Amino acid sequence: IDFSNTAFYGGRLQALPNRKAYRPISFFQVDG
């Protein structure tokens, strides 16, 4: 939510803390 929170909501949203370490976004450069 950090991107939208910063870009659109002025940083006022409080997100849930992550309780375990993992990769929330996986990015694939497909080049299709």
PDB file of all heavy atoms in Angstrom:
ATOM      1  N   ILE A   1       0.816  -1.218   0.000  1.00  0.00           N
ATOM      2  CA  ILE A   1       0.000   0.000   0.000  1.00  0.00           C
ATOM      3  C   ILE A   1       0.845   1.261   0.000  1.00  0.00           C
ATOM      4  O   ILE A   1       0.351   2.363  -0.253  1.00  0.00           O
ATOM      5  CB  ILE A   1      -0.972   0.009   1.217  1.00  0.00           C
ATOM      6  CG1 ILE A   1      -2.017   1.125   1.095  1.00  0.00           C
ATOM      7  CG2 ILE A   1      -0.187   0.125   2.522  1.00  0.00           C
ATOM      8  CD1 ILE A   1      -2.903   1.024  -0.106  1.00  0.00           C
ATOM      9  N   ASP A   2       2.153   1.133   0.243  1.00  0.00           N
ATOM     10  CA  ASP A   2       3.017   2.317   0.362  1.00  0.00           C
ATOM     11  C   ASP A   2       2.971   3.200  -0.880  1.00  0.00           C
ATOM     12  O   ASP A   2       2.987   4.433  -0.767  1.00  0.00           O
ATOM     13  CB  ASP A   2       4.464   1.879   0.627  1.00  0.00           C
ATOM     14  CG  ASP A   2       4.763   1.762   2.111  1.00  0.00           C
ATOM     15  OD1 ASP A   2       3.860   2.071   2.917  1.00  0.00           O
ATOM     16  OD2 ASP A   2       5.875   1.345   2.466  1.00  0.00           O
ATOM     17  N   PHE A   3       2.944   2.596  -2.060  1.00  0.00           N
ATOM     18  CA  PHE A   3       2.949   3.400  -3.284  1.00  0.00           C
ATOM     19  C   PHE A   3       1.705   4.277  -3.362  1.00  0.00           C
ATOM     20  O   PHE A   3       1.807   5.500  -3.525  1.00  0.00           O
ATOM     21  CB  PHE A   3       3.037   2.493  -4.514  1.00  0.00           C
ATOM     22  CG  PHE A   3       3.144   3.254  -5.809  1.00  0.00           C
ATOM     23  CD1 PHE A   3       4.382   3.600  -6.323  1.00  0.00           C
ATOM     24  CD2 PHE A   3       2.006   3.638  -6.510  1.00  0.00           C
ATOM     25  CE1 PHE A   3       4.483   4.321  -7.511  1.00  0.00           C
ATOM     26  CE2 PHE A   3       2.091   4.352  -7.690  1.00  0.00           C
ATOM     27  CZ  PHE A   3       3.339   4.700  -8.195  1.00  0.00           C
ATOM     28  N   SER A   4       0.528   3.680  -3.242  1.00  0.00           N
ATOM     29  CA  SER A   4      -0.710   4.453  -3.302  1.00  0.00           C
ATOM     30  C   SER A   4      -0.804   5.435  -2.141  1.00  0.00           C
ATOM     31  O   SER A   4      -1.285   6.568  -2.298  1.00  0.00           O
ATOM     32  CB  SER A   4      -1.924   3.522  -3.292  1.00  0.00           C
ATOM     33  OG  SER A   4      -2.042   2.839  -4.520  1.00  0.00           O
ATOM     34  N   ASN A   5      -0.355   5.009  -0.977  1.00  0.00           N
ATOM     35  CA  ASN A   5      -0.397   5.877   0.190  1.00  0.00           C
ATOM     36  C   ASN A   5       0.409   7.152  -0.047  1.00  0.00           C
ATOM     37  O   ASN A   5      -0.016   8.256   0.307  1.00  0.00           O
ATOM     38  CB  ASN A   5       0.150   5.122   1.402  1.00  0.00           C
ATOM     39  CG  ASN A   5      -0.114   5.841   2.707  1.00  0.00           C
ATOM     40  OD1 ASN A   5      -0.982   6.709   2.799  1.00  0.00           O
ATOM     41  ND2 ASN A   5       0.626   5.486   3.728  1.00  0.00           N
ATOM     42  N   THR A   6       1.560   7.008  -0.677  1.00  0.00           N
ATOM     43  CA  THR A   6       2.418   8.159  -0.949  1.00  0.00           C
ATOM     44  C   THR A   6       1.913   8.971  -2.131  1.00  0.00           C
ATOM     45  O   THR A   6       1.873  10.213  -2.075  1.00  0.00           O
ATOM     46  CB  THR A   6       3.854   7.696  -1.237  1.00  0.00           C
ATOM     47  OG1 THR A   6       4.335   6.941  -0.126  1.00  0.00           O
ATOM     48  CG2 THR A   6       4.779   8.883  -1.476  1.00  0.00           C
ATOM     49  N   ALA A   7       1.498   8.300  -3.198  1.00  0.00           N
ATOM     50  CA  ALA A   7       1.130   8.988  -4.433  1.00  0.00           C
ATOM     51  C   ALA A   7      -0.223   9.679  -4.348  1.00  0.00           C
ATOM     52  O   ALA A   7      -0.411  10.756  -4.925  1.00  0.00           O
ATOM     53  CB  ALA A   7       1.135   8.003  -5.602  1.00  0.00           C
ATOM     54  N   PHE A   8      -1.189   9.083  -3.631  1.00  0.00           N
ATOM     55  CA  PHE A   8      -2.562   9.554  -3.707  1.00  0.00           C
ATOM     56  C   PHE A   8      -3.168   9.982  -2.373  1.00  0.00           C
ATOM     57  O   PHE A   8      -4.103  10.780  -2.353  1.00  0.00           O
ATOM     58  CB  PHE A   8      -3.454   8.461  -4.314  1.00  0.00           C
ATOM     59  CG  PHE A   8      -2.891   7.842  -5.562  1.00  0.00           C
ATOM     60  CD1 PHE A   8      -2.792   6.472  -5.693  1.00  0.00           C
ATOM     61  CD2 PHE A   8      -2.442   8.645  -6.598  1.00  0.00           C
ATOM     62  CE1 PHE A   8      -2.268   5.893  -6.842  1.00  0.00           C
ATOM     63  CE2 PHE A   8      -1.911   8.080  -7.748  1.00  0.00           C
ATOM     64  CZ  PHE A   8      -1.824   6.705  -7.873  1.00  0.00           C
ATOM     65  N   TYR A   9      -2.673   9.450  -1.256  1.00  0.00           N
ATOM     66  CA  TYR A   9      -3.321   9.705   0.030  1.00  0.00           C
ATOM     67  C   TYR A   9      -2.485  10.556   0.978  1.00  0.00           C
ATOM     68  O   TYR A   9      -2.802  10.661   2.159  1.00  0.00           O
ATOM     69  CB  TYR A   9      -3.677   8.379   0.715  1.00  0.00           C
ATOM     70  CG  TYR A   9      -4.682   7.561  -0.056  1.00  0.00           C
ATOM     71  CD1 TYR A   9      -4.272   6.512  -0.855  1.00  0.00           C
ATOM     72  CD2 TYR A   9      -6.035   7.861  -0.015  1.00  0.00           C
ATOM     73  CE1 TYR A   9      -5.178   5.758  -1.579  1.00  0.00           C
ATOM     74  CE2 TYR A   9      -6.954   7.115  -0.733  1.00  0.00           C
ATOM     75  CZ  TYR A   9      -6.518   6.072  -1.518  1.00  0.00           C
ATOM     76  OH  TYR A   9      -7.430   5.339  -2.235  1.00  0.00           O
ATOM     77  N   GLY A  10      -1.431  11.160   0.483  1.00  0.00           N
ATOM     78  CA  GLY A  10      -0.641  12.054   1.309  1.00  0.00           C
ATOM     79  C   GLY A  10       0.067  11.377   2.465  1.00  0.00           C
ATOM     80  O   GLY A  10       0.472  12.036   3.431  1.00  0.00           O
ATOM     81  N   GLY A  11       0.194  10.042   2.416  1.00  0.00           N
ATOM     82  CA  GLY A  11       0.907   9.323   3.470  1.00  0.00           C
ATOM     83  C   GLY A  11       0.141   9.163   4.761  1.00  0.00           C
ATOM     84  O   GLY A  11       0.720   8.773   5.776  1.00  0.00           O
ATOM     85  N   ARG A  12      -1.172   9.403   4.747  1.00  0.00           N
ATOM     86  CA  ARG A  12      -1.918   9.358   6.006  1.00  0.00           C
ATOM     87  C   ARG A  12      -2.412   7.962   6.383  1.00  0.00           C
ATOM     88  O   ARG A  12      -2.845   7.746   7.522  1.00  0.00           O
ATOM     89  CB  ARG A  12      -3.123  10.297   5.932  1.00  0.00           C
ATOM     90  CG  ARG A  12      -4.168   9.906   4.904  1.00  0.00           C
ATOM     91  CD  ARG A  12      -5.393  10.807   4.984  1.00  0.00           C
ATOM     92  NE  ARG A  12      -6.342  10.511   3.938  1.00  0.00           N
ATOM     93  CZ  ARG A  12      -7.219   9.521   3.997  1.00  0.00           C
ATOM     94  NH1 ARG A  12      -7.242   8.730   5.043  1.00  0.00           N
ATOM     95  NH2 ARG A  12      -8.063   9.315   3.001  1.00  0.00           N
ATOM     96  N   LEU A  13      -2.375   6.990   5.451  1.00  0.00           N
ATOM     97  CA  LEU A  13      -2.868   5.654   5.755  1.00  0.00           C
ATOM     98  C   LEU A  13      -1.884   4.908   6.649  1.00  0.00           C
ATOM     99  O   LEU A  13      -0.672   4.975   6.454  1.00  0.00           O
ATOM    100  CB  LEU A  13      -3.082   4.856   4.463  1.00  0.00           C
ATOM    101  CG  LEU A  13      -4.110   5.410   3.483  1.00  0.00           C
ATOM    102  CD1 LEU A  13      -4.214   4.487   2.274  1.00  0.00           C
ATOM    103  CD2 LEU A  13      -5.468   5.573   4.144  1.00  0.00           C
ATOM    104  N   GLN A  14      -2.414   4.191   7.622  1.00  0.00           N
ATOM    105  CA  GLN A  14      -1.606   3.357   8.505  1.00  0.00           C
ATOM    106  C   GLN A  14      -1.819   1.906   8.098  1.00  0.00           C
ATOM    107  O   GLN A  14      -2.923   1.383   8.166  1.00  0.00           O
ATOM    108  CB  GLN A  14      -2.001   3.562   9.966  1.00  0.00           C
ATOM    109  CG  GLN A  14      -1.741   4.974  10.473  1.00  0.00           C
ATOM    110  CD  GLN A  14      -2.106   5.131  11.926  1.00  0.00           C
ATOM    111  OE1 GLN A  14      -2.435   4.165  12.597  1.00  0.00           O
ATOM    112  NE2 GLN A  14      -2.055   6.364  12.420  1.00  0.00           N
ATOM    113  N   ALA A  15      -0.753   1.265   7.682  1.00  0.00           N
ATOM    114  CA  ALA A  15      -0.840  -0.106   7.194  1.00  0.00           C
ATOM    115  C   ALA A  15      -0.587  -1.103   8.306  1.00  0.00           C
ATOM    116  O   ALA A  15      -0.002  -0.781   9.335  1.00  0.00           O
ATOM    117  CB  ALA A  15       0.172  -0.320   6.066  1.00  0.00           C
ATOM    118  N   LEU A  16      -1.034  -2.326   8.084  1.00  0.00           N
ATOM    119  CA  LEU A  16      -0.736  -3.402   9.017  1.00  0.00           C
ATOM    120  C   LEU A  16       0.759  -3.711   8.987  1.00  0.00           C
ATOM    121  O   LEU A  16       1.363  -3.727   7.915  1.00  0.00           O
ATOM    122  CB  LEU A  16      -1.508  -4.663   8.636  1.00  0.00           C
ATOM    123  CG  LEU A  16      -3.015  -4.665   8.903  1.00  0.00           C
ATOM    124  CD1 LEU A  16      -3.659  -5.835   8.167  1.00  0.00           C
ATOM    125  CD2 LEU A  16      -3.294  -4.767  10.387  1.00  0.00           C
ATOM    126  N   PRO A  17       1.372  -3.961  10.120  1.00  0.00           N
ATOM    127  CA  PRO A  17       2.790  -4.354  10.107  1.00  0.00           C
ATOM    128  C   PRO A  17       2.937  -5.774   9.580  1.00  0.00           C
ATOM    129  O   PRO A  17       2.068  -6.616   9.785  1.00  0.00           O
ATOM    130  CB  PRO A  17       3.190  -4.266  11.584  1.00  0.00           C
ATOM    131  CG  PRO A  17       1.918  -4.492  12.328  1.00  0.00           C
ATOM    132  CD  PRO A  17       0.825  -3.887  11.490  1.00  0.00           C
ATOM    133  N   ASN A  18       4.027  -6.035   8.868  1.00  0.00           N
ATOM    134  CA  ASN A  18       4.274  -7.394   8.396  1.00  0.00           C
ATOM    135  C   ASN A  18       4.854  -8.235   9.521  1.00  0.00           C
ATOM    136  O   ASN A  18       5.810  -7.845  10.181  1.00  0.00           O
ATOM    137  CB  ASN A  18       5.220  -7.393   7.196  1.00  0.00           C
ATOM    138  CG  ASN A  18       6.516  -6.672   7.495  1.00  0.00           C
ATOM    139  OD1 ASN A  18       6.502  -5.519   7.921  1.00  0.00           O
ATOM    140  ND2 ASN A  18       7.642  -7.333   7.289  1.00  0.00           N
ATOM    141  N   ARG A  19       4.247  -9.388   9.749  1.00  0.00           N
ATOM    142  CA  ARG A  19       4.654 -10.231  10.877  1.00  0.00           C
ATOM    143  C   ARG A  19       5.746 -11.233  10.511  1.00  0.00           C
ATOM    144  O   ARG A  19       6.320 -11.861  11.377  1.00  0.00           O
ATOM    145  CB  ARG A  19       3.431 -10.973  11.426  1.00  0.00           C
ATOM    146  CG  ARG A  19       2.374 -10.023  11.991  1.00  0.00           C
ATOM    147  CD  ARG A  19       1.234 -10.792  12.625  1.00  0.00           C
ATOM    148  NE  ARG A  19       0.258  -9.897  13.229  1.00  0.00           N
ATOM    149  CZ  ARG A  19      -0.830 -10.307  13.880  1.00  0.00           C
ATOM    150  NH1 ARG A  19      -1.059 -11.597  13.995  1.00  0.00           N
ATOM    151  NH2 ARG A  19      -1.677  -9.438  14.386  1.00  0.00           N
ATOM    152  N   LYS A  20       5.958 -11.421   9.220  1.00  0.00           N
ATOM    153  CA  LYS A  20       7.039 -12.318   8.805  1.00  0.00           C
ATOM    154  C   LYS A  20       7.710 -11.738   7.571  1.00  0.00           C
ATOM    155  O   LYS A  20       7.101 -11.009   6.796  1.00  0.00           O
ATOM    156  CB  LYS A  20       6.496 -13.719   8.510  1.00  0.00           C
ATOM    157  CG  LYS A  20       5.477 -13.764   7.392  1.00  0.00           C
ATOM    158  CD  LYS A  20       5.019 -15.199   7.141  1.00  0.00           C
ATOM    159  CE  LYS A  20       4.002 -15.262   5.994  1.00  0.00           C
ATOM    160  NZ  LYS A  20       3.574 -16.650   5.729  1.00  0.00           N
ATOM    161  N   ALA A  21       8.977 -12.071   7.416  1.00  0.00           N
ATOM    162  CA  ALA A  21       9.742 -11.546   6.290  1.00  0.00           C
ATOM    163  C   ALA A  21       9.430 -12.353   5.032  1.00  0.00           C
ATOM    164  O   ALA A  21       9.621 -13.566   5.003  1.00  0.00           O
ATOM    165  CB  ALA A  21      11.224 -11.599   6.607  1.00  0.00           C
ATOM    166  N   TYR A  22       8.935 -11.676   4.013  1.00  0.00           N
ATOM    167  CA  TYR A  22       8.709 -12.311   2.719  1.00  0.00           C
ATOM    168  C   TYR A  22       8.655 -11.226   1.658  1.00  0.00           C
ATOM    169  O   TYR A  22       8.610 -10.028   1.970  1.00  0.00           O
ATOM    170  CB  TYR A  22       7.413 -13.135   2.726  1.00  0.00           C
ATOM    171  CG  TYR A  22       6.134 -12.330   2.707  1.00  0.00           C
ATOM    172  CD1 TYR A  22       5.423 -12.125   1.521  1.00  0.00           C
ATOM    173  CD2 TYR A  22       5.606 -11.779   3.883  1.00  0.00           C
ATOM    174  CE1 TYR A  22       4.252 -11.400   1.505  1.00  0.00           C
ATOM    175  CE2 TYR A  22       4.438 -11.059   3.880  1.00  0.00           C
ATOM    176  CZ  TYR A  22       3.757 -10.866   2.688  1.00  0.00           C
ATOM    177  OH  TYR A  22       2.588 -10.141   2.678  1.00  0.00           O
ATOM    178  N   ARG A  23       8.647 -11.622   0.398  1.00  0.00           N
ATOM    179  CA  ARG A  23       8.645 -10.669  -0.700  1.00  0.00           C
ATOM    180  C   ARG A  23       7.202 -10.409  -1.133  1.00  0.00           C
ATOM    181  O   ARG A  23       6.586 -11.270  -1.756  1.00  0.00           O
ATOM    182  CB  ARG A  23       9.469 -11.212  -1.866  1.00  0.00           C
ATOM    183  CG  ARG A  23       9.580 -10.252  -3.036  1.00  0.00           C
ATOM    184  CD  ARG A  23      10.616 -10.712  -4.048  1.00  0.00           C
ATOM    185  NE  ARG A  23      10.323 -12.068  -4.537  1.00  0.00           N
ATOM    186  CZ  ARG A  23      11.097 -12.726  -5.391  1.00  0.00           C
ATOM    187  NH1 ARG A  23      12.221 -12.189  -5.814  1.00  0.00           N
ATOM    188  NH2 ARG A  23      10.769 -13.937  -5.785  1.00  0.00           N
ATOM    189  N   PRO A  24       6.649  -9.241  -0.829  1.00  0.00           N
ATOM    190  CA  PRO A  24       5.234  -8.987  -1.118  1.00  0.00           C
ATOM    191  C   PRO A  24       4.949  -8.724  -2.595  1.00  0.00           C
ATOM    192  O   PRO A  24       3.813  -8.897  -3.036  1.00  0.00           O
ATOM    193  CB  PRO A  24       4.921  -7.754  -0.276  1.00  0.00           C
ATOM    194  CG  PRO A  24       6.226  -7.040  -0.169  1.00  0.00           C
ATOM    195  CD  PRO A  24       7.272  -8.097  -0.129  1.00  0.00           C
ATOM    196  N   ILE A  25       5.962  -8.283  -3.352  1.00  0.00           N
ATOM    197  CA  ILE A  25       5.779  -8.006  -4.783  1.00  0.00           C
ATOM    198  C   ILE A  25       6.862  -8.741  -5.562  1.00  0.00           C
ATOM    199  O   ILE A  25       8.048  -8.592  -5.273  1.00  0.00           O
ATOM    200  CB  ILE A  25       5.847  -6.501  -5.092  1.00  0.00           C
ATOM    201  CG1 ILE A  25       4.764  -5.730  -4.319  1.00  0.00           C
ATOM    202  CG2 ILE A  25       5.677  -6.245  -6.593  1.00  0.00           C
ATOM    203  CD1 ILE A  25       4.812  -4.222  -4.518  1.00  0.00           C
ATOM    204  N   SER A  26       6.428  -9.545  -6.528  1.00  0.00           N
ATOM    205  CA  SER A  26       7.367 -10.234  -7.420  1.00  0.00           C
ATOM    206  C   SER A  26       7.192  -9.671  -8.820  1.00  0.00           C
ATOM    207  O   SER A  26       6.072  -9.619  -9.342  1.00  0.00           O
ATOM    208  CB  SER A  26       7.102 -11.749  -7.423  1.00  0.00           C
ATOM    209  OG  SER A  26       7.354 -12.302  -6.147  1.00  0.00           O
ATOM    210  N   PHE A  27       8.296  -9.245  -9.416  1.00  0.00           N
ATOM    211  CA  PHE A  27       8.270  -8.532 -10.694  1.00  0.00           C
ATOM    212  C   PHE A  27       8.917  -9.391 -11.775  1.00  0.00           C
ATOM    213  O   PHE A  27      10.015  -9.916 -11.580  1.00  0.00           O
ATOM    214  CB  PHE A  27       9.017  -7.205 -10.539  1.00  0.00           C
ATOM    215  CG  PHE A  27       8.959  -6.304 -11.738  1.00  0.00           C
ATOM    216  CD1 PHE A  27       7.887  -5.451 -11.928  1.00  0.00           C
ATOM    217  CD2 PHE A  27       9.979  -6.308 -12.669  1.00  0.00           C
ATOM    218  CE1 PHE A  27       7.828  -4.604 -13.019  1.00  0.00           C
ATOM    219  CE2 PHE A  27       9.935  -5.469 -13.769  1.00  0.00           C
ATOM    220  CZ  PHE A  27       8.853  -4.613 -13.951  1.00  0.00           C
ATOM    221  N   PHE A  28       8.213  -9.549 -12.889  1.00  0.00           N
ATOM    222  CA  PHE A  28       8.724 -10.360 -13.995  1.00  0.00           C
ATOM    223  C   PHE A  28       8.816  -9.491 -15.248  1.00  0.00           C
ATOM    224  O   PHE A  28       7.790  -9.003 -15.749  1.00  0.00           O
ATOM    225  CB  PHE A  28       7.801 -11.546 -14.268  1.00  0.00           C
ATOM    226  CG  PHE A  28       7.712 -12.522 -13.125  1.00  0.00           C
ATOM    227  CD1 PHE A  28       6.754 -12.356 -12.134  1.00  0.00           C
ATOM    228  CD2 PHE A  28       8.588 -13.588 -13.028  1.00  0.00           C
ATOM    229  CE1 PHE A  28       6.666 -13.237 -11.080  1.00  0.00           C
ATOM    230  CE2 PHE A  28       8.510 -14.480 -11.970  1.00  0.00           C
ATOM    231  CZ  PHE A  28       7.554 -14.303 -10.992  1.00  0.00           C
ATOM    232  N   GLN A  29      10.040  -9.272 -15.724  1.00  0.00           N
ATOM    233  CA  GLN A  29      10.263  -8.561 -16.980  1.00  0.00           C
ATOM    234  C   GLN A  29      10.134  -9.594 -18.106  1.00  0.00           C
ATOM    235  O   GLN A  29      11.047 -10.352 -18.387  1.00  0.00           O
ATOM    236  CB  GLN A  29      11.642  -7.915 -16.992  1.00  0.00           C
ATOM    237  CG  GLN A  29      11.896  -7.021 -18.198  1.00  0.00           C
ATOM    238  CD  GLN A  29      11.032  -5.776 -18.187  1.00  0.00           C
ATOM    239  OE1 GLN A  29      10.947  -5.059 -17.189  1.00  0.00           O
ATOM    240  NE2 GLN A  29      10.356  -5.521 -19.307  1.00  0.00           N
ATOM    241  N   VAL A  30       8.972  -9.615 -18.747  1.00  0.00           N
ATOM    242  CA  VAL A  30       8.651 -10.678 -19.692  1.00  0.00           C
ATOM    243  C   VAL A  30       9.231 -10.401 -21.072  1.00  0.00           C
ATOM    244  O   VAL A  30       9.659 -11.313 -21.783  1.00  0.00           O
ATOM    245  CB  VAL A  30       7.120 -10.864 -19.782  1.00  0.00           C
ATOM    246  CG1 VAL A  30       6.770 -11.954 -20.789  1.00  0.00           C
ATOM    247  CG2 VAL A  30       6.550 -11.196 -18.407  1.00  0.00           C
ATOM    248  N   ASP A  31       9.232  -9.142 -21.491  1.00  0.00           N
ATOM    249  CA  ASP A  31       9.713  -8.746 -22.816  1.00  0.00           C
ATOM    250  C   ASP A  31       8.914  -9.430 -23.929  1.00  0.00           C
ATOM    251  O   ASP A  31       9.467  -9.956 -24.910  1.00  0.00           O
ATOM    252  CB  ASP A  31      11.208  -9.071 -22.980  1.00  0.00           C
ATOM    253  CG  ASP A  31      12.067  -8.281 -22.010  1.00  0.00           C
ATOM    254  OD1 ASP A  31      11.659  -7.151 -21.668  1.00  0.00           O
ATOM    255  OD2 ASP A  31      13.109  -8.787 -21.574  1.00  0.00           O
ATOM    256  N   GLY A  32       7.600  -9.450 -23.767  1.00  0.00           N
ATOM    257  CA  GLY A  32       6.726 -10.043 -24.770  1.00  0.00           C
ATOM    258  C   GLY A  32       6.401  -9.068 -25.889  1.00  0.00           C
ATOM    259  O   GLY A  32       6.811  -7.907 -25.884  1.00  0.00           O
TER     260      GLY A  32
END
